[in-house]
Amino acid sequence: MNKNKILGWATLIMIAMGILLIALGVFRYNEVAGWGFVAVGVGFFANAWVFSALKGRV
């Protein structure tokens, strides 16, 4: 595996985890803890965006 393929897989995994955490925050935890799950999920999306932007440049 080359570095672009690894960054692609990392991006895909981070997007999946972001969706999972946002879904947990929205559907499972309706209290204040849900806001934390959603915030961490958005953070995963931001990291996935950075990994996607790095693909081809590193």
N, C-alpha and C. Protein backbone atom coordinates (compact mmCIF):
# COMPACT_ATOMS: atom_id res chain seq x y z
N MET A 1 0.84 -1.18 0.00
CA MET A 1 0.00 0.00 0.00
C MET A 1 0.89 1.25 0.00
N ASN A 2 0.56 2.18 -0.85
CA ASN A 2 1.30 3.42 -0.85
C ASN A 2 0.63 4.43 0.09
N LYS A 3 1.26 5.57 0.26
CA LYS A 3 0.76 6.52 1.25
C LYS A 3 -0.58 7.14 0.85
N ASN A 4 -0.86 7.29 -0.45
CA ASN A 4 -2.15 7.83 -0.85
C ASN A 4 -3.29 6.87 -0.55
N LYS A 5 -3.04 5.58 -0.73
CA LYS A 5 -4.07 4.60 -0.42
C LYS A 5 -4.34 4.55 1.08
N ILE A 6 -3.28 4.68 1.88
CA ILE A 6 -3.45 4.68 3.34
C ILE A 6 -4.24 5.91 3.78
N LEU A 7 -3.93 7.08 3.20
CA LEU A 7 -4.69 8.29 3.54
C LEU A 7 -6.15 8.16 3.09
N GLY A 8 -6.39 7.50 1.98
CA GLY A 8 -7.76 7.28 1.52
C GLY A 8 -8.54 6.40 2.48
N TRP A 9 -7.92 5.31 2.94
CA TRP A 9 -8.58 4.44 3.91
C TRP A 9 -8.81 5.16 5.23
N ALA A 10 -7.83 5.96 5.66
CA ALA A 10 -8.00 6.71 6.91
C ALA A 10 -9.15 7.71 6.78
N THR A 11 -9.27 8.34 5.63
CA THR A 11 -10.37 9.27 5.41
C THR A 11 -11.72 8.55 5.48
N LEU A 12 -11.80 7.39 4.84
CA LEU A 12 -13.05 6.63 4.84
C LEU A 12 -13.43 6.18 6.25
N ILE A 13 -12.46 5.71 7.01
CA ILE A 13 -12.73 5.26 8.38
C ILE A 13 -13.16 6.44 9.26
N MET A 14 -12.50 7.59 9.09
CA MET A 14 -12.86 8.76 9.90
C MET A 14 -14.26 9.28 9.56
N ILE A 15 -14.65 9.22 8.29
CA ILE A 15 -16.01 9.62 7.91
C ILE A 15 -17.02 8.67 8.53
N ALA A 16 -16.74 7.38 8.48
CA ALA A 16 -17.66 6.40 9.07
C ALA A 16 -17.80 6.62 10.58
N MET A 17 -16.68 6.86 11.26
CA MET A 17 -16.74 7.10 12.71
C MET A 17 -17.48 8.41 13.00
N GLY A 18 -17.28 9.43 12.18
CA GLY A 18 -17.99 10.69 12.37
C GLY A 18 -19.49 10.52 12.24
N ILE A 19 -19.92 9.76 11.23
CA ILE A 19 -21.36 9.50 11.06
C ILE A 19 -21.90 8.71 12.24
N LEU A 20 -21.14 7.72 12.70
CA LEU A 20 -21.56 6.91 13.84
C LEU A 20 -21.71 7.75 15.10
N LEU A 21 -20.74 8.61 15.37
CA LEU A 21 -20.80 9.44 16.57
C LEU A 21 -21.93 10.46 16.50
N ILE A 22 -22.16 11.06 15.34
CA ILE A 22 -23.26 12.00 15.20
C ILE A 22 -24.59 11.29 15.36
N ALA A 23 -24.71 10.10 14.79
CA ALA A 23 -25.95 9.33 14.94
C ALA A 23 -26.18 8.96 16.41
N LEU A 24 -25.12 8.58 17.13
CA LEU A 24 -25.26 8.28 18.55
C LEU A 24 -25.75 9.52 19.32
N GLY A 25 -25.16 10.66 19.01
CA GLY A 25 -25.55 11.89 19.70
C GLY A 25 -26.97 12.30 19.41
N VAL A 26 -27.43 12.08 18.19
CA VAL A 26 -28.77 12.51 17.82
C VAL A 26 -29.83 11.52 18.29
N PHE A 27 -29.59 10.23 18.09
CA PHE A 27 -30.64 9.25 18.33
C PHE A 27 -30.56 8.56 19.68
N ARG A 28 -29.38 8.43 20.26
CA ARG A 28 -29.26 7.65 21.50
C ARG A 28 -29.24 8.52 22.74
N TYR A 29 -28.43 9.58 22.72
CA TYR A 29 -28.28 10.42 23.90
C TYR A 29 -28.93 11.76 23.65
N ASN A 30 -30.05 12.00 24.31
CA ASN A 30 -30.79 13.24 24.10
C ASN A 30 -30.40 14.32 25.11
N GLU A 31 -29.56 14.00 26.07
CA GLU A 31 -29.15 14.97 27.08
C GLU A 31 -27.93 15.74 26.60
N VAL A 32 -27.23 16.33 27.54
CA VAL A 32 -26.05 17.14 27.22
C VAL A 32 -24.95 16.27 26.61
N ALA A 33 -24.89 14.99 26.96
CA ALA A 33 -23.86 14.10 26.41
C ALA A 33 -24.00 13.99 24.89
N GLY A 34 -25.20 14.11 24.38
CA GLY A 34 -25.41 14.06 22.93
C GLY A 34 -24.68 15.16 22.20
N TRP A 35 -24.64 16.35 22.81
CA TRP A 35 -23.90 17.46 22.19
C TRP A 35 -22.42 17.14 22.08
N GLY A 36 -21.88 16.46 23.08
CA GLY A 36 -20.47 16.06 23.04
C GLY A 36 -20.20 15.06 21.92
N PHE A 37 -21.10 14.08 21.77
CA PHE A 37 -20.93 13.11 20.71
C PHE A 37 -20.98 13.78 19.34
N VAL A 38 -21.91 14.71 19.17
CA VAL A 38 -22.02 15.41 17.89
C VAL A 38 -20.77 16.26 17.64
N ALA A 39 -20.27 16.92 18.67
CA ALA A 39 -19.08 17.76 18.51
C ALA A 39 -17.87 16.91 18.11
N VAL A 40 -17.71 15.75 18.74
CA VAL A 40 -16.60 14.87 18.39
C VAL A 40 -16.78 14.32 16.97
N GLY A 41 -18.01 14.02 16.59
CA GLY A 41 -18.27 13.56 15.22
C GLY A 41 -17.91 14.60 14.18
N VAL A 42 -18.22 15.86 14.46
CA VAL A 42 -17.84 16.94 13.55
C VAL A 42 -16.32 17.07 13.50
N GLY A 43 -15.66 16.86 14.63
CA GLY A 43 -14.20 16.87 14.65
C GLY A 43 -13.61 15.77 13.78
N PHE A 44 -14.24 14.59 13.78
CA PHE A 44 -13.79 13.51 12.92
C PHE A 44 -13.95 13.90 11.46
N PHE A 45 -15.05 14.59 11.12
CA PHE A 45 -15.22 15.06 9.75
C PHE A 45 -14.13 16.05 9.36
N ALA A 46 -13.75 16.93 10.29
CA ALA A 46 -12.69 17.90 10.01
C ALA A 46 -11.36 17.19 9.76
N ASN A 47 -11.05 16.19 10.58
CA ASN A 47 -9.81 15.43 10.37
C ASN A 47 -9.84 14.66 9.05
N ALA A 48 -11.00 14.11 8.70
CA ALA A 48 -11.12 13.40 7.43
C ALA A 48 -10.91 14.36 6.26
N TRP A 49 -11.37 15.58 6.40
CA TRP A 49 -11.18 16.58 5.35
C TRP A 49 -9.69 16.89 5.18
N VAL A 50 -8.97 17.00 6.29
CA VAL A 50 -7.53 17.26 6.23
C VAL A 50 -6.82 16.08 5.58
N PHE A 51 -7.16 14.86 5.95
CA PHE A 51 -6.53 13.70 5.35
C PHE A 51 -6.81 13.64 3.85
N SER A 52 -8.04 13.98 3.46
CA SER A 52 -8.39 13.98 2.05
C SER A 52 -7.61 15.07 1.30
N ALA A 53 -7.40 16.21 1.93
CA ALA A 53 -6.64 17.29 1.30
C ALA A 53 -5.16 16.92 1.17
N LEU A 54 -4.64 16.11 2.08
CA LEU A 54 -3.24 15.71 2.04
C LEU A 54 -2.96 14.64 0.98
N LYS A 55 -4.01 13.94 0.59
CA LYS A 55 -3.83 12.84 -0.37
C LYS A 55 -3.27 13.40 -1.69
N GLY A 56 -2.17 12.89 -2.14
CA GLY A 56 -1.55 13.35 -3.36
C GLY A 56 -0.49 14.40 -3.15
N ARG A 57 -0.43 15.00 -1.95
CA ARG A 57 0.54 16.05 -1.69
C ARG A 57 1.68 15.57 -0.79
N VAL A 58 1.46 14.51 -0.08
CA VAL A 58 2.49 14.04 0.87
C VAL A 58 3.42 13.10 0.16
